[in-house]
Amino acid sequence: MVLTFIGVLANIFTLGKDIFPLVALFLVSFTISSRSVLNEKLTKMLINTRDNSKELTTQLVEKNKAMQRNQDYEIYLATLKERNRIAREIHDNVGHMLTRSILQLGALSVINKDETVGEAINDLSGTLNTAMTSIRSSVHDLHDDSIALKPAVEDCIRPLKDRFAVSCDYDFSERMSRDVKLCFIGVIKEALSNTAKHSDGDSIKIIIREHPALYQLSITDNGSCPEKIDENGMGLANMRERAASLNGNINITSGSKGFRIFLSVPKQSLTERRS
């Protein structure tokens, strides 16, 4: 278009006055066309800038959510650590002092000859024993509630990482019932122990999922194994007992594609157990 414009200007003087309206029209067209191209470029730049801004905003929101989740998880782990510390302090200090007091009262009751004092000693001994039972229960509850499933699973798989490629896929709330945590940890330990002893594979995949109505655990390895497995084995029996204790279902399969354990625990049964 620029070359055309130059050509027109070069011929203005040879064409005479009649060419000026055409030149004016051409100039107007050229100006409109140039502005149209410029507007198109600016529009594309604006769209790209807007898209980049949206993408950056989305990434920032996701990073903030991830940071918040990490922060919440760190706070949760710190809370569990503090619970463990309190449980340990109660067990080591108060528990030992009560145990010593109970033993001393037992010795005193043996050498005591006064029946009136003997009744008081027996009553005090009963009170101390009740207190000891209560403290033990509280310490066990604190310890069980302070179990963090992810670190516990990592502890289970750490000894196998030199031999197996272990992957873990988590999608659950750490607020899940301690009974489920203990069940899953027990099944994982048993499954990994069997894998280390019998599997000729080189990879293990662990998946833990929380759904609205149930919890699921899947453990798979790629080792070759017979189509039929020994259902009477102690390890498999322990897994089935753990699942049954929570009204859960466990499915154990084996074949050319490897060995798989699939466990599901309904949340409704856990609510009924607590009530």
Protein backbone atom coordinates (compact mmCIF):
# COMPACT_ATOMS: atom_id res chain seq x y z
CA MET A 1 0.00 0.00 0.00
CA VAL A 2 2.88 2.36 0.75
CA LEU A 3 4.43 1.69 -2.67
CA THR A 4 1.10 2.35 -4.31
CA PHE A 5 0.79 5.64 -2.44
CA ILE A 6 4.27 6.69 -3.57
CA GLY A 7 3.39 5.79 -7.15
CA VAL A 8 0.26 7.91 -6.99
CA LEU A 9 2.22 10.90 -5.68
CA ALA A 10 4.75 10.50 -8.47
CA ASN A 11 2.03 10.78 -11.09
CA ILE A 12 0.03 13.64 -9.55
CA PHE A 13 1.69 16.31 -11.60
CA THR A 14 1.24 14.42 -14.90
CA LEU A 15 -2.45 13.68 -14.39
CA GLY A 16 -3.52 17.25 -13.60
CA LYS A 17 -6.09 18.72 -11.26
CA ASP A 18 -8.66 15.95 -11.84
CA ILE A 19 -6.51 13.52 -9.85
CA PHE A 20 -6.71 15.41 -6.55
CA PRO A 21 -10.13 14.05 -5.50
CA LEU A 22 -8.85 10.55 -6.14
CA VAL A 23 -5.71 11.26 -4.13
CA ALA A 24 -7.79 12.60 -1.25
CA LEU A 25 -9.96 9.49 -1.35
CA PHE A 26 -6.88 7.31 -1.44
CA LEU A 27 -5.38 9.13 1.54
CA VAL A 28 -8.57 8.63 3.53
CA SER A 29 -8.62 4.93 2.64
CA PHE A 30 -4.97 4.56 3.52
CA THR A 31 -5.50 6.24 6.88
CA ILE A 32 -8.51 4.07 7.70
CA SER A 33 -6.66 0.92 6.66
CA SER A 34 -3.61 1.81 8.76
CA ARG A 35 -5.76 2.53 11.79
CA SER A 36 -7.62 -0.75 11.26
CA VAL A 37 -4.35 -2.71 11.23
CA LEU A 38 -3.15 -0.82 14.30
CA ASN A 39 -6.42 -1.44 16.13
CA GLU A 40 -6.21 -5.14 15.29
CA LYS A 41 -2.68 -5.33 16.69
CA LEU A 42 -3.69 -3.46 19.83
CA THR A 43 -6.72 -5.72 20.26
CA LYS A 44 -4.53 -8.82 20.02
CA MET A 45 -2.09 -7.34 22.52
CA LEU A 46 -4.96 -6.53 24.87
CA ILE A 47 -6.37 -10.06 24.59
CA ASN A 48 -2.94 -11.61 25.22
CA THR A 49 -2.38 -9.33 28.20
CA ARG A 50 -5.80 -10.20 29.60
CA ASP A 51 -5.24 -13.94 29.13
CA ASN A 52 -1.80 -13.74 30.75
CA SER A 53 -3.25 -11.77 33.62
CA LYS A 54 -5.98 -14.38 34.17
CA GLU A 55 -3.43 -17.20 34.04
CA LEU A 56 -1.15 -15.45 36.52
CA THR A 57 -4.11 -14.74 38.80
CA THR A 58 -5.18 -18.41 38.67
CA GLN A 59 -1.63 -19.56 39.43
CA LEU A 60 -1.42 -17.13 42.34
CA VAL A 61 -4.73 -18.36 43.76
CA GLU A 62 -3.58 -22.00 43.50
CA LYS A 63 -0.24 -21.19 45.15
CA ASN A 64 -2.04 -19.39 47.98
CA LYS A 65 -4.33 -22.38 48.47
CA ALA A 66 -1.34 -24.74 48.51
CA MET A 67 0.46 -22.54 51.03
CA GLN A 68 -2.66 -22.47 53.21
CA ARG A 69 -2.96 -26.27 53.05
CA ASN A 70 0.70 -26.68 53.95
CA GLN A 71 0.33 -24.23 56.81
CA ASP A 72 -2.75 -26.01 58.13
CA TYR A 73 -0.96 -29.36 57.89
CA GLU A 74 2.09 -28.01 59.74
CA ILE A 75 -0.18 -26.67 62.49
CA TYR A 76 -1.92 -30.03 62.67
CA LEU A 77 1.41 -31.89 62.97
CA ALA A 78 2.54 -29.44 65.66
CA THR A 79 -0.70 -30.13 67.56
CA LEU A 80 -0.12 -33.88 67.32
CA LYS A 81 3.46 -33.46 68.53
CA GLU A 82 2.25 -31.47 71.53
CA ARG A 83 -0.33 -34.14 72.34
CA ASN A 84 2.39 -36.77 72.26
CA ARG A 85 4.53 -34.67 74.59
CA ILE A 86 1.66 -34.23 77.06
CA ALA A 87 0.86 -37.94 76.98
CA ARG A 88 4.51 -38.78 77.58
CA GLU A 89 4.76 -36.33 80.49
CA ILE A 90 1.64 -37.75 82.13
CA HIS A 91 2.84 -41.31 81.65
CA ASP A 92 6.39 -40.70 82.87
CA ASN A 93 5.59 -38.43 85.83
CA VAL A 94 2.04 -38.73 87.13
CA GLY A 95 1.70 -42.39 86.14
CA HIS A 96 4.91 -43.42 87.90
CA MET A 97 4.02 -41.45 91.02
CA LEU A 98 0.60 -43.11 91.22
CA THR A 99 2.14 -46.53 90.68
CA ARG A 100 4.61 -45.93 93.49
CA SER A 101 1.82 -44.70 95.79
CA ILE A 102 -0.25 -47.82 95.06
CA LEU A 103 2.72 -50.06 95.83
CA GLN A 104 3.43 -48.20 99.07
CA LEU A 105 -0.20 -48.53 100.17
CA GLY A 106 -0.06 -52.23 99.37
CA ALA A 107 2.99 -52.65 101.56
CA LEU A 108 1.38 -50.57 104.31
CA SER A 109 -1.77 -52.68 104.26
CA VAL A 110 0.32 -55.83 104.79
CA ILE A 111 2.00 -54.56 107.95
CA ASN A 112 -1.01 -52.70 109.32
CA LYS A 113 -2.81 -54.28 112.30
CA ASP A 114 -5.47 -51.66 112.91
CA GLU A 115 -8.74 -52.60 111.19
CA THR A 116 -9.99 -49.00 111.14
CA VAL A 117 -6.82 -47.81 109.42
CA GLY A 118 -6.97 -50.86 107.16
CA GLU A 119 -10.39 -49.82 105.81
CA ALA A 120 -9.09 -46.32 105.07
CA ILE A 121 -6.05 -47.78 103.31
CA ASN A 122 -8.27 -50.00 101.17
CA ASP A 123 -10.51 -47.07 100.22
CA LEU A 124 -7.49 -44.94 99.33
CA SER A 125 -5.99 -47.80 97.35
CA GLY A 126 -9.22 -48.16 95.37
CA THR A 127 -9.28 -44.44 94.64
CA LEU A 128 -5.69 -44.50 93.41
CA ASN A 129 -6.34 -47.52 91.22
CA THR A 130 -9.35 -45.77 89.68
CA ALA A 131 -7.24 -42.68 89.06
CA MET A 132 -4.51 -44.82 87.50
CA THR A 133 -7.00 -46.48 85.15
CA SER A 134 -8.39 -43.09 84.14
CA ILE A 135 -4.93 -41.69 83.45
CA ARG A 136 -3.97 -44.71 81.38
CA SER A 137 -7.11 -44.33 79.30
CA SER A 138 -6.47 -40.62 78.79
CA VAL A 139 -2.85 -41.20 77.82
CA HIS A 140 -3.83 -43.88 75.31
CA ASP A 141 -6.50 -41.61 73.82
CA LEU A 142 -4.03 -38.74 73.51
CA HIS A 143 -1.47 -41.00 71.88
CA ASP A 144 -3.93 -42.60 69.47
CA ASP A 145 -5.44 -39.24 68.47
CA SER A 146 -1.97 -37.89 67.79
CA ILE A 147 -1.29 -40.42 65.03
CA ALA A 148 -0.54 -38.71 61.71
CA LEU A 149 -1.23 -41.12 58.86
CA LYS A 150 1.11 -39.69 56.20
CA PRO A 151 4.27 -39.74 58.34
CA ALA A 152 3.32 -43.20 59.60
CA VAL A 153 3.01 -44.48 56.02
CA GLU A 154 6.34 -42.86 55.11
CA ASP A 155 7.97 -44.68 58.04
CA CYS A 156 6.53 -47.96 56.75
CA ILE A 157 7.84 -47.56 53.20
CA ARG A 158 11.25 -46.08 54.03
CA PRO A 159 13.04 -49.46 54.49
CA LEU A 160 11.78 -50.66 51.08
CA LYS A 161 12.85 -47.69 48.94
CA ASP A 162 16.24 -49.22 48.11
CA ARG A 163 14.55 -52.21 46.50
CA PHE A 164 11.19 -50.90 45.27
CA ALA A 165 9.96 -47.77 43.54
CA VAL A 166 7.22 -46.78 45.99
CA SER A 167 4.57 -44.20 45.09
CA CYS A 168 1.91 -42.85 47.46
CA ASP A 169 -1.26 -41.06 46.41
CA TYR A 170 -3.07 -39.34 49.27
CA ASP A 171 -6.49 -37.72 49.18
CA PHE A 172 -7.94 -37.63 52.68
CA SER A 173 -8.36 -35.47 55.74
CA GLU A 174 -5.99 -36.03 58.63
CA ARG A 175 -9.04 -35.65 60.86
CA MET A 176 -10.12 -39.17 60.01
CA SER A 177 -10.93 -41.55 62.85
CA ARG A 178 -7.95 -42.96 64.74
CA ASP A 179 -9.48 -46.44 64.31
CA VAL A 180 -9.22 -46.09 60.53
CA LYS A 181 -5.66 -44.76 60.79
CA LEU A 182 -4.58 -47.69 62.96
CA CYS A 183 -6.34 -50.15 60.64
CA PHE A 184 -4.72 -48.69 57.52
CA ILE A 185 -1.27 -48.56 59.14
CA GLY A 186 -1.58 -52.17 60.28
CA VAL A 187 -2.68 -53.37 56.83
CA ILE A 188 0.08 -51.39 55.10
CA LYS A 189 2.74 -52.79 57.44
CA GLU A 190 1.52 -56.34 56.88
CA ALA A 191 1.25 -55.89 53.11
CA LEU A 192 4.72 -54.33 52.78
CA SER A 193 6.21 -57.06 54.94
CA ASN A 194 4.71 -59.73 52.68
CA THR A 195 5.87 -57.86 49.59
CA ALA A 196 9.43 -57.64 50.87
CA LYS A 197 9.44 -61.38 51.62
CA HIS A 198 7.69 -62.83 48.60
CA SER A 199 7.45 -60.36 45.72
CA ASP A 200 9.80 -60.41 42.75
CA GLY A 201 8.51 -57.05 41.51
CA ASP A 202 10.18 -53.66 41.69
CA SER A 203 7.32 -51.21 42.30
CA ILE A 204 4.63 -50.62 44.91
CA LYS A 205 1.72 -48.20 44.71
CA ILE A 206 -0.28 -47.09 47.75
CA ILE A 207 -3.50 -45.09 47.36
CA ILE A 208 -5.51 -43.70 50.27
CA ARG A 209 -8.83 -42.02 49.42
CA GLU A 210 -11.57 -40.39 51.44
CA HIS A 211 -15.05 -40.37 49.90
CA PRO A 212 -18.25 -38.88 51.33
CA ALA A 213 -19.40 -42.26 52.64
CA LEU A 214 -16.22 -44.31 53.09
CA TYR A 215 -12.43 -44.55 53.26
CA GLN A 216 -10.43 -46.64 50.79
CA LEU A 217 -6.96 -48.12 50.80
CA SER A 218 -5.29 -49.78 47.81
CA ILE A 219 -1.86 -51.46 47.82
CA THR A 220 -0.49 -52.91 44.58
CA ASP A 221 2.83 -54.41 43.53
CA ASN A 222 3.90 -55.63 40.08
CA GLY A 223 5.45 -58.92 41.15
CA SER A 224 4.41 -62.20 39.57
CA CYS A 225 2.40 -64.45 41.85
CA PRO A 226 0.09 -67.49 41.58
CA GLU A 227 -3.56 -67.09 40.72
CA LYS A 228 -4.51 -68.67 44.05
CA ILE A 229 -3.18 -67.38 47.34
CA ASP A 230 -2.99 -68.98 50.75
CA GLU A 231 -6.09 -67.68 52.50
CA ASN A 232 -4.98 -69.24 55.77
CA GLY A 233 -1.80 -67.18 56.06
CA MET A 234 -1.39 -65.27 59.31
CA GLY A 235 -0.76 -61.96 57.55
CA LEU A 236 -3.88 -62.08 55.40
CA ALA A 237 -5.94 -63.24 58.38
CA ASN A 238 -4.76 -60.23 60.38
CA MET A 239 -5.77 -57.90 57.55
CA ARG A 240 -9.23 -59.45 57.36
CA GLU A 241 -9.67 -59.15 61.13
CA ARG A 242 -8.71 -55.48 61.05
CA ALA A 243 -11.20 -54.80 58.26
CA ALA A 244 -13.97 -56.77 59.99
CA SER A 245 -13.44 -54.83 63.24
CA LEU A 246 -14.59 -51.67 61.41
CA ASN A 247 -17.30 -53.40 59.34
CA GLY A 248 -15.07 -52.91 56.32
CA ASN A 249 -14.54 -55.01 53.21
CA ILE A 250 -11.17 -56.23 52.00
CA ASN A 251 -10.49 -57.77 48.61
CA ILE A 252 -7.16 -59.53 47.95
CA THR A 253 -6.32 -60.55 44.39
CA SER A 254 -3.24 -61.99 42.72
CA GLY A 255 -2.21 -62.92 39.21
CA SER A 256 0.15 -62.19 36.36
CA LYS A 257 -0.30 -58.42 36.81
CA GLY A 258 0.74 -58.52 40.43
CA PHE A 259 -0.73 -58.56 43.94
CA ARG A 260 -3.42 -56.15 45.08
CA ILE A 261 -5.14 -55.38 48.37
CA PHE A 262 -8.26 -53.20 48.31
CA LEU A 263 -9.83 -52.16 51.61
CA SER A 264 -12.90 -49.97 52.17
CA VAL A 265 -14.30 -48.80 55.51
CA PRO A 266 -17.77 -47.16 55.67
CA LYS A 267 -18.00 -43.96 57.72
CA GLN A 268 -21.45 -44.89 59.04
CA SER A 269 -20.05 -47.82 60.99
CA LEU A 270 -17.48 -45.52 62.63
CA THR A 271 -20.25 -43.14 63.73
CA GLU A 272 -22.20 -46.04 65.20
CA ARG A 273 -19.11 -47.25 67.07
CA ARG A 274 -18.55 -43.81 68.63
CA SER A 275 -22.20 -43.49 69.63
